[in-house]
Amino acid sequence: MSKKIVVYDPPMCCSSGVCGPNPDKTLIEFQEIFTKLKKSGTDIERYVITQSPEKFKENPEVIKLIQQQQLKVLPVTTVNDVVVKTGSYPTKDEFTSYLK
Protein backbone atom coordinates (compact mmCIF):
# COMPACT_ATOMS: atom_id res chain seq x y z
CA MET A 1 0.00 0.00 0.00
CA SER A 2 1.29 3.43 -0.93
CA LYS A 3 1.83 5.86 1.91
CA LYS A 4 1.31 9.60 1.78
CA ILE A 5 3.33 11.73 4.17
CA VAL A 6 2.36 15.33 4.87
CA VAL A 7 4.24 17.76 7.08
CA TYR A 8 2.25 20.75 8.34
CA ASP A 9 4.68 23.58 9.07
CA PRO A 10 4.39 26.55 11.43
CA PRO A 11 4.51 30.08 10.00
CA MET A 12 7.83 30.66 8.20
CA CYS A 13 9.42 33.34 6.09
CA CYS A 14 9.51 31.07 3.02
CA SER A 15 8.12 27.69 1.96
CA SER A 16 11.15 25.70 3.14
CA GLY A 17 12.14 27.77 6.16
CA VAL A 18 15.70 27.66 4.84
CA CYS A 19 16.22 31.34 4.17
CA GLY A 20 17.74 34.43 5.65
CA PRO A 21 21.28 34.96 6.92
CA ASN A 22 21.12 32.27 9.65
CA PRO A 23 18.79 29.42 8.63
CA ASP A 24 17.90 26.84 11.28
CA LYS A 25 20.17 23.77 11.02
CA THR A 26 17.24 21.46 11.79
CA LEU A 27 15.27 22.92 8.87
CA ILE A 28 18.26 22.53 6.55
CA GLU A 29 18.59 18.84 7.46
CA PHE A 30 14.85 18.30 7.18
CA GLN A 31 14.70 20.00 3.77
CA GLU A 32 17.53 17.77 2.50
CA ILE A 33 15.69 14.62 3.62
CA PHE A 34 12.40 15.92 2.21
CA THR A 35 13.98 16.72 -1.17
CA LYS A 36 15.63 13.28 -1.42
CA LEU A 37 12.36 11.52 -0.59
CA LYS A 38 10.43 13.63 -3.11
CA LYS A 39 13.00 12.95 -5.86
CA SER A 40 12.91 9.21 -5.10
CA GLY A 41 9.17 9.15 -5.79
CA THR A 42 7.85 9.18 -2.22
CA ASP A 43 4.38 10.71 -1.95
CA ILE A 44 5.36 13.53 0.41
CA GLU A 45 4.15 17.12 0.76
CA ARG A 46 4.61 19.96 3.18
CA TYR A 47 2.41 22.95 3.81
CA VAL A 48 3.10 26.17 5.70
CA ILE A 49 0.07 27.35 7.66
CA THR A 50 0.36 30.96 6.45
CA GLN A 51 0.74 29.92 2.80
CA SER A 52 -1.69 26.97 2.55
CA PRO A 53 -4.28 27.24 5.35
CA GLU A 54 -6.80 25.32 3.24
CA LYS A 55 -4.56 22.21 3.40
CA PHE A 56 -4.65 22.35 7.20
CA LYS A 57 -8.45 22.52 7.14
CA GLU A 58 -8.55 19.32 5.06
CA ASN A 59 -7.23 17.27 8.00
CA PRO A 60 -9.57 17.37 11.03
CA GLU A 61 -6.94 15.76 13.28
CA VAL A 62 -4.46 18.55 12.57
CA ILE A 63 -7.07 21.26 13.13
CA LYS A 64 -8.09 19.65 16.44
CA LEU A 65 -4.46 19.61 17.62
CA ILE A 66 -4.02 23.29 16.70
CA GLN A 67 -7.24 24.20 18.51
CA GLN A 68 -6.07 22.33 21.63
CA GLN A 69 -2.37 23.28 21.66
CA GLN A 70 -2.16 26.35 19.41
CA LEU A 71 0.71 26.75 16.93
CA LYS A 72 3.26 25.25 19.33
CA VAL A 73 2.07 21.80 18.17
CA LEU A 74 3.55 22.49 14.71
CA PRO A 75 5.16 20.95 12.80
CA VAL A 76 2.73 18.05 12.58
CA THR A 77 3.56 15.01 10.45
CA THR A 78 0.89 12.66 9.14
CA VAL A 79 1.05 9.34 7.33
CA ASN A 80 -2.13 8.57 5.38
CA ASP A 81 -3.87 11.39 7.32
CA VAL A 82 -2.96 9.93 10.74
CA VAL A 83 -0.78 12.08 13.01
CA VAL A 84 2.54 10.35 13.72
CA LYS A 85 4.62 13.23 15.15
CA THR A 86 4.06 16.71 16.60
CA GLY A 87 6.26 19.55 17.76
CA SER A 88 9.39 18.70 15.76
CA TYR A 89 10.47 17.49 12.35
CA PRO A 90 10.92 13.79 11.63
CA THR A 91 14.44 12.41 11.39
CA LYS A 92 15.70 10.27 8.54
CA ASP A 93 15.16 7.15 10.67
CA GLU A 94 11.61 8.19 11.49
CA PHE A 95 10.83 8.73 7.81
CA THR A 96 12.23 5.27 7.09
CA SER A 97 9.92 3.76 9.71
CA TYR A 98 6.91 5.65 8.30
CA LEU A 99 7.52 4.16 4.87
CA LYS A 100 7.71 0.51 6.01
C-alpha atoms as a PDB file:
ATOM      1  CA  MET A   1       0.000   0.000   0.000  1.00  0.00           C
ATOM      2  CA  SER A   2       1.288   3.428  -0.935  1.00  0.00           C
ATOM      3  CA  LYS A   3       1.831   5.856   1.914  1.00  0.00           C
ATOM      4  CA  LYS A   4       1.313   9.600   1.775  1.00  0.00           C
ATOM      5  CA  ILE A   5       3.325  11.734   4.173  1.00  0.00           C
ATOM      6  CA  VAL A   6       2.357  15.330   4.873  1.00  0.00           C
ATOM      7  CA  VAL A   7       4.239  17.765   7.078  1.00  0.00           C
ATOM      8  CA  TYR A   8       2.248  20.749   8.338  1.00  0.00           C
ATOM      9  CA  ASP A   9       4.679  23.584   9.066  1.00  0.00           C
ATOM     10  CA  PRO A  10       4.390  26.545  11.431  1.00  0.00           C
ATOM     11  CA  PRO A  11       4.511  30.085  10.005  1.00  0.00           C
ATOM     12  CA  MET A  12       7.829  30.658   8.203  1.00  0.00           C
ATOM     13  CA  CYS A  13       9.420  33.344   6.089  1.00  0.00           C
ATOM     14  CA  CYS A  14       9.509  31.067   3.022  1.00  0.00           C
ATOM     15  CA  SER A  15       8.121  27.695   1.962  1.00  0.00           C
ATOM     16  CA  SER A  16      11.149  25.697   3.140  1.00  0.00           C
ATOM     17  CA  GLY A  17      12.138  27.774   6.159  1.00  0.00           C
ATOM     18  CA  VAL A  18      15.703  27.658   4.835  1.00  0.00           C
ATOM     19  CA  CYS A  19      16.223  31.338   4.166  1.00  0.00           C
ATOM     20  CA  GLY A  20      17.735  34.433   5.652  1.00  0.00           C
ATOM     21  CA  PRO A  21      21.282  34.956   6.916  1.00  0.00           C
ATOM     22  CA  ASN A  22      21.115  32.267   9.650  1.00  0.00           C
ATOM     23  CA  PRO A  23      18.789  29.424   8.630  1.00  0.00           C
ATOM     24  CA  ASP A  24      17.901  26.843  11.278  1.00  0.00           C
ATOM     25  CA  LYS A  25      20.166  23.770  11.020  1.00  0.00           C
ATOM     26  CA  THR A  26      17.238  21.458  11.786  1.00  0.00           C
ATOM     27  CA  LEU A  27      15.272  22.915   8.873  1.00  0.00           C
ATOM     28  CA  ILE A  28      18.264  22.529   6.550  1.00  0.00           C
ATOM     29  CA  GLU A  29      18.590  18.841   7.463  1.00  0.00           C
ATOM     30  CA  PHE A  30      14.848  18.301   7.180  1.00  0.00           C
ATOM     31  CA  GLN A  31      14.702  20.001   3.770  1.00  0.00           C
ATOM     32  CA  GLU A  32      17.529  17.775   2.498  1.00  0.00           C
ATOM     33  CA  ILE A  33      15.695  14.616   3.617  1.00  0.00           C
ATOM     34  CA  PHE A  34      12.396  15.921   2.206  1.00  0.00           C
ATOM     35  CA  THR A  35      13.977  16.718  -1.173  1.00  0.00           C
ATOM     36  CA  LYS A  36      15.628  13.281  -1.423  1.00  0.00           C
ATOM     37  CA  LEU A  37      12.362  11.524  -0.592  1.00  0.00           C
ATOM     38  CA  LYS A  38      10.429  13.628  -3.113  1.00  0.00           C
ATOM     39  CA  LYS A  39      12.999  12.947  -5.859  1.00  0.00           C
ATOM     40  CA  SER A  40      12.909   9.212  -5.104  1.00  0.00           C
ATOM     41  CA  GLY A  41       9.171   9.147  -5.786  1.00  0.00           C
ATOM     42  CA  THR A  42       7.849   9.184  -2.225  1.00  0.00           C
ATOM     43  CA  ASP A  43       4.380  10.711  -1.948  1.00  0.00           C
ATOM     44  CA  ILE A  44       5.359  13.532   0.409  1.00  0.00           C
ATOM     45  CA  GLU A  45       4.154  17.118   0.762  1.00  0.00           C
ATOM     46  CA  ARG A  46       4.614  19.959   3.179  1.00  0.00           C
ATOM     47  CA  TYR A  47       2.409  22.950   3.814  1.00  0.00           C
ATOM     48  CA  VAL A  48       3.098  26.170   5.703  1.00  0.00           C
ATOM     49  CA  ILE A  49       0.074  27.354   7.664  1.00  0.00           C
ATOM     50  CA  THR A  50       0.359  30.957   6.449  1.00  0.00           C
ATOM     51  CA  GLN A  51       0.735  29.925   2.800  1.00  0.00           C
ATOM     52  CA  SER A  52      -1.691  26.969   2.554  1.00  0.00           C
ATOM     53  CA  PRO A  53      -4.276  27.245   5.348  1.00  0.00           C
ATOM     54  CA  GLU A  54      -6.802  25.320   3.244  1.00  0.00           C
ATOM     55  CA  LYS A  55      -4.562  22.212   3.398  1.00  0.00           C
ATOM     56  CA  PHE A  56      -4.646  22.346   7.203  1.00  0.00           C
ATOM     57  CA  LYS A  57      -8.454  22.522   7.140  1.00  0.00           C
ATOM     58  CA  GLU A  58      -8.553  19.323   5.056  1.00  0.00           C
ATOM     59  CA  ASN A  59      -7.229  17.274   7.998  1.00  0.00           C
ATOM     60  CA  PRO A  60      -9.570  17.372  11.027  1.00  0.00           C
ATOM     61  CA  GLU A  61      -6.942  15.761  13.284  1.00  0.00           C
ATOM     62  CA  VAL A  62      -4.456  18.551  12.569  1.00  0.00           C
ATOM     63  CA  ILE A  63      -7.070  21.257  13.130  1.00  0.00           C
ATOM     64  CA  LYS A  64      -8.093  19.654  16.443  1.00  0.00           C
ATOM     65  CA  LEU A  65      -4.460  19.615  17.624  1.00  0.00           C
ATOM     66  CA  ILE A  66      -4.016  23.286  16.703  1.00  0.00           C
ATOM     67  CA  GLN A  67      -7.243  24.197  18.514  1.00  0.00           C
ATOM     68  CA  GLN A  68      -6.067  22.333  21.629  1.00  0.00           C
ATOM     69  CA  GLN A  69      -2.370  23.279  21.656  1.00  0.00           C
ATOM     70  CA  GLN A  70      -2.163  26.349  19.406  1.00  0.00           C
ATOM     71  CA  LEU A  71       0.708  26.748  16.926  1.00  0.00           C
ATOM     72  CA  LYS A  72       3.263  25.251  19.332  1.00  0.00           C
ATOM     73  CA  VAL A  73       2.070  21.802  18.170  1.00  0.00           C
ATOM     74  CA  LEU A  74       3.546  22.490  14.711  1.00  0.00           C
ATOM     75  CA  PRO A  75       5.155  20.954  12.797  1.00  0.00           C
ATOM     76  CA  VAL A  76       2.733  18.046  12.583  1.00  0.00           C
ATOM     77  CA  THR A  77       3.561  15.014  10.449  1.00  0.00           C
ATOM     78  CA  THR A  78       0.891  12.658   9.145  1.00  0.00           C
ATOM     79  CA  VAL A  79       1.053   9.339   7.333  1.00  0.00           C
ATOM     80  CA  ASN A  80      -2.129   8.572   5.379  1.00  0.00           C
ATOM     81  CA  ASP A  81      -3.867  11.387   7.320  1.00  0.00           C
ATOM     82  CA  VAL A  82      -2.957   9.930  10.743  1.00  0.00           C
ATOM     83  CA  VAL A  83      -0.779  12.078  13.015  1.00  0.00           C
ATOM     84  CA  VAL A  84       2.541  10.353  13.719  1.00  0.00           C
ATOM     85  CA  LYS A  85       4.616  13.226  15.146  1.00  0.00           C
ATOM     86  CA  THR A  86       4.058  16.707  16.601  1.00  0.00           C
ATOM     87  CA  GLY A  87       6.260  19.552  17.764  1.00  0.00           C
ATOM     88  CA  SER A  88       9.387  18.704  15.762  1.00  0.00           C
ATOM     89  CA  TYR A  89      10.469  17.493  12.345  1.00  0.00           C
ATOM     90  CA  PRO A  90      10.921  13.794  11.628  1.00  0.00           C
ATOM     91  CA  THR A  91      14.440  12.409  11.392  1.00  0.00           C
ATOM     92  CA  LYS A  92      15.705  10.273   8.536  1.00  0.00           C
ATOM     93  CA  ASP A  93      15.162   7.149  10.673  1.00  0.00           C
ATOM     94  CA  GLU A  94      11.606   8.195  11.494  1.00  0.00           C
ATOM     95  CA  PHE A  95      10.825   8.733   7.808  1.00  0.00           C
ATOM     96  CA  THR A  96      12.227   5.269   7.090  1.00  0.00           C
ATOM     97  CA  SER A  97       9.917   3.762   9.715  1.00  0.00           C
ATOM     98  CA  TYR A  98       6.914   5.648   8.299  1.00  0.00           C
ATOM     99  CA  LEU A  99       7.520   4.156   4.868  1.00  0.00           C
ATOM    100  CA  LYS A 100       7.707   0.513   6.015  1.00  0.00           C
END
